[in-house]
Amino acid sequence: MDNLQCYVQTRYSYPEMRAIWTEDSKVRRMVQLEILACEIWAKLGYIPQKALNQIQSVTSLNAQRI
């Protein structure tokens, strides 16, 4: 992201909007999508329920850790 774009995003957006685009927020949304996909795969029988339960229990992901 160039400096002008960064400046415009921080100066002309609400804090709630900026919070949506933080790295942690993006990672949380990606993980939510992956979990939903795994739930569908489990329903179709491709992922065992035990594995799905483990996947769903992951709650401590953040952008820095990844």
N, C-alpha and C. Protein backbone atom coordinates (compact mmCIF):
# COMPACT_ATOMS: atom_id res chain seq x y z
N MET A 1 0.84 -1.16 0.00
CA MET A 1 0.00 0.00 0.00
C MET A 1 0.90 1.24 0.00
N ASP A 2 0.61 2.17 -0.90
CA ASP A 2 1.44 3.37 -0.93
C ASP A 2 1.02 4.34 0.18
N ASN A 3 1.85 5.34 0.41
CA ASN A 3 1.61 6.28 1.51
C ASN A 3 0.31 7.06 1.36
N LEU A 4 -0.02 7.47 0.13
CA LEU A 4 -1.25 8.22 -0.09
C LEU A 4 -2.48 7.39 0.25
N GLN A 5 -2.49 6.15 -0.21
CA GLN A 5 -3.63 5.27 0.07
C GLN A 5 -3.76 5.05 1.57
N CYS A 6 -2.65 4.81 2.24
CA CYS A 6 -2.67 4.61 3.69
C CYS A 6 -3.19 5.87 4.39
N TYR A 7 -2.73 7.04 3.96
CA TYR A 7 -3.16 8.30 4.55
C TYR A 7 -4.67 8.49 4.37
N VAL A 8 -5.16 8.23 3.16
CA VAL A 8 -6.58 8.40 2.87
C VAL A 8 -7.40 7.44 3.71
N GLN A 9 -6.96 6.20 3.82
CA GLN A 9 -7.71 5.22 4.60
C GLN A 9 -7.76 5.60 6.08
N THR A 10 -6.68 6.08 6.62
CA THR A 10 -6.68 6.41 8.05
C THR A 10 -7.35 7.75 8.33
N ARG A 11 -7.23 8.70 7.42
CA ARG A 11 -7.80 10.03 7.67
C ARG A 11 -9.29 10.08 7.37
N TYR A 12 -9.74 9.38 6.35
CA TYR A 12 -11.11 9.54 5.89
C TYR A 12 -11.99 8.31 6.13
N SER A 13 -11.69 7.55 7.11
CA SER A 13 -12.57 6.43 7.45
C SER A 13 -12.80 6.41 8.95
N TYR A 14 -13.91 5.81 9.31
CA TYR A 14 -14.26 5.69 10.72
C TYR A 14 -13.41 4.59 11.37
N PRO A 15 -13.18 4.69 12.67
CA PRO A 15 -12.40 3.64 13.36
C PRO A 15 -12.99 2.25 13.15
N GLU A 16 -14.32 2.15 13.11
CA GLU A 16 -14.97 0.85 12.90
C GLU A 16 -14.62 0.28 11.53
N MET A 17 -14.54 1.16 10.53
CA MET A 17 -14.17 0.70 9.18
C MET A 17 -12.71 0.27 9.14
N ARG A 18 -11.83 1.04 9.77
CA ARG A 18 -10.41 0.67 9.79
C ARG A 18 -10.20 -0.65 10.51
N ALA A 19 -11.00 -0.90 11.55
CA ALA A 19 -10.85 -2.14 12.32
C ALA A 19 -11.15 -3.37 11.46
N ILE A 20 -12.02 -3.22 10.51
CA ILE A 20 -12.36 -4.35 9.62
C ILE A 20 -11.14 -4.80 8.82
N TRP A 21 -10.27 -3.87 8.45
CA TRP A 21 -9.17 -4.17 7.55
C TRP A 21 -7.84 -4.39 8.26
N THR A 22 -7.84 -4.55 9.57
CA THR A 22 -6.59 -4.88 10.25
C THR A 22 -6.18 -6.30 9.88
N GLU A 23 -4.91 -6.60 10.02
CA GLU A 23 -4.43 -7.95 9.69
C GLU A 23 -5.12 -9.00 10.56
N ASP A 24 -5.30 -8.73 11.84
CA ASP A 24 -5.98 -9.70 12.72
C ASP A 24 -7.41 -9.95 12.26
N SER A 25 -8.11 -8.90 11.87
CA SER A 25 -9.48 -9.06 11.41
C SER A 25 -9.53 -9.90 10.14
N LYS A 26 -8.61 -9.64 9.22
CA LYS A 26 -8.57 -10.43 7.97
C LYS A 26 -8.30 -11.90 8.27
N VAL A 27 -7.38 -12.16 9.18
CA VAL A 27 -7.06 -13.55 9.54
C VAL A 27 -8.27 -14.22 10.17
N ARG A 28 -8.97 -13.53 11.07
CA ARG A 28 -10.16 -14.12 11.70
C ARG A 28 -11.21 -14.48 10.66
N ARG A 29 -11.44 -13.59 9.68
CA ARG A 29 -12.42 -13.88 8.63
C ARG A 29 -11.98 -15.06 7.76
N MET A 30 -10.69 -15.13 7.44
CA MET A 30 -10.20 -16.26 6.64
C MET A 30 -10.38 -17.57 7.41
N VAL A 31 -10.10 -17.56 8.70
CA VAL A 31 -10.26 -18.77 9.52
C VAL A 31 -11.73 -19.15 9.59
N GLN A 32 -12.61 -18.17 9.75
CA GLN A 32 -14.04 -18.47 9.78
C GLN A 32 -14.49 -19.15 8.48
N LEU A 33 -14.00 -18.65 7.35
CA LEU A 33 -14.35 -19.27 6.07
C LEU A 33 -13.81 -20.69 5.96
N GLU A 34 -12.58 -20.89 6.43
CA GLU A 34 -12.00 -22.23 6.40
C GLU A 34 -12.79 -23.20 7.27
N ILE A 35 -13.23 -22.73 8.43
CA ILE A 35 -14.03 -23.59 9.32
C ILE A 35 -15.35 -23.93 8.67
N LEU A 36 -15.99 -22.96 8.04
CA LEU A 36 -17.25 -23.24 7.33
C LEU A 36 -17.04 -24.28 6.22
N ALA A 37 -15.93 -24.15 5.50
CA ALA A 37 -15.64 -25.13 4.45
C ALA A 37 -15.43 -26.51 5.05
N CYS A 38 -14.74 -26.58 6.18
CA CYS A 38 -14.51 -27.86 6.85
C CYS A 38 -15.81 -28.47 7.34
N GLU A 39 -16.73 -27.63 7.80
CA GLU A 39 -18.04 -28.15 8.24
C GLU A 39 -18.77 -28.80 7.07
N ILE A 40 -18.69 -28.20 5.91
CA ILE A 40 -19.32 -28.79 4.73
C ILE A 40 -18.63 -30.09 4.35
N TRP A 41 -17.29 -30.09 4.36
CA TRP A 41 -16.56 -31.32 4.05
C TRP A 41 -16.91 -32.43 5.05
N ALA A 42 -17.10 -32.06 6.31
CA ALA A 42 -17.47 -33.06 7.33
C ALA A 42 -18.86 -33.61 7.05
N LYS A 43 -19.79 -32.73 6.66
CA LYS A 43 -21.14 -33.19 6.34
C LYS A 43 -21.12 -34.17 5.17
N LEU A 44 -20.20 -33.95 4.24
CA LEU A 44 -20.10 -34.83 3.08
C LEU A 44 -19.28 -36.09 3.36
N GLY A 45 -18.70 -36.15 4.58
CA GLY A 45 -17.98 -37.34 4.97
C GLY A 45 -16.49 -37.34 4.66
N TYR A 46 -15.96 -36.22 4.22
CA TYR A 46 -14.54 -36.15 3.87
C TYR A 46 -13.64 -35.83 5.07
N ILE A 47 -14.22 -35.25 6.11
CA ILE A 47 -13.47 -34.91 7.33
C ILE A 47 -14.16 -35.59 8.50
N PRO A 48 -13.43 -36.33 9.32
CA PRO A 48 -14.05 -36.97 10.49
C PRO A 48 -14.53 -35.91 11.49
N GLN A 49 -15.59 -36.23 12.20
CA GLN A 49 -16.16 -35.29 13.17
C GLN A 49 -15.13 -34.89 14.23
N LYS A 50 -14.30 -35.84 14.65
CA LYS A 50 -13.28 -35.54 15.67
C LYS A 50 -12.32 -34.46 15.16
N ALA A 51 -11.92 -34.56 13.90
CA ALA A 51 -11.02 -33.56 13.32
C ALA A 51 -11.72 -32.21 13.21
N LEU A 52 -12.99 -32.23 12.82
CA LEU A 52 -13.75 -30.98 12.74
C LEU A 52 -13.85 -30.31 14.11
N ASN A 53 -14.08 -31.10 15.14
CA ASN A 53 -14.15 -30.53 16.50
C ASN A 53 -12.84 -29.85 16.87
N GLN A 54 -11.72 -30.45 16.51
CA GLN A 54 -10.41 -29.85 16.80
C GLN A 54 -10.23 -28.56 16.01
N ILE A 55 -10.63 -28.57 14.75
CA ILE A 55 -10.51 -27.37 13.92
C ILE A 55 -11.36 -26.25 14.50
N GLN A 56 -12.59 -26.57 14.91
CA GLN A 56 -13.48 -25.56 15.46
C GLN A 56 -13.01 -25.01 16.80
N SER A 57 -12.19 -25.75 17.50
CA SER A 57 -11.76 -25.31 18.83
C SER A 57 -10.59 -24.33 18.78
N VAL A 58 -10.00 -24.12 17.62
CA VAL A 58 -8.88 -23.18 17.50
C VAL A 58 -9.41 -21.76 17.65
N THR A 59 -8.93 -21.07 18.68
CA THR A 59 -9.43 -19.71 18.93
C THR A 59 -8.30 -18.70 19.10
N SER A 60 -7.06 -19.14 19.09
CA SER A 60 -5.97 -18.22 19.43
C SER A 60 -5.11 -17.87 18.22
N LEU A 61 -5.72 -17.66 17.07
CA LEU A 61 -4.96 -17.28 15.90
C LEU A 61 -4.91 -15.76 15.79
N ASN A 62 -3.77 -15.24 15.39
CA ASN A 62 -3.65 -13.83 15.08
C ASN A 62 -2.62 -13.67 13.97
N ALA A 63 -2.63 -12.52 13.34
CA ALA A 63 -1.79 -12.30 12.17
C ALA A 63 -0.31 -12.42 12.52
N GLN A 64 0.09 -11.91 13.63
CA GLN A 64 1.51 -11.96 14.02
C GLN A 64 1.97 -13.41 14.21
N ARG A 65 1.13 -14.23 14.84
CA ARG A 65 1.48 -15.62 15.08
C ARG A 65 1.62 -16.37 13.75
N ILE A 66 0.77 -16.09 12.82
CA ILE A 66 0.79 -16.77 11.52
C ILE A 66 1.98 -16.26 10.73
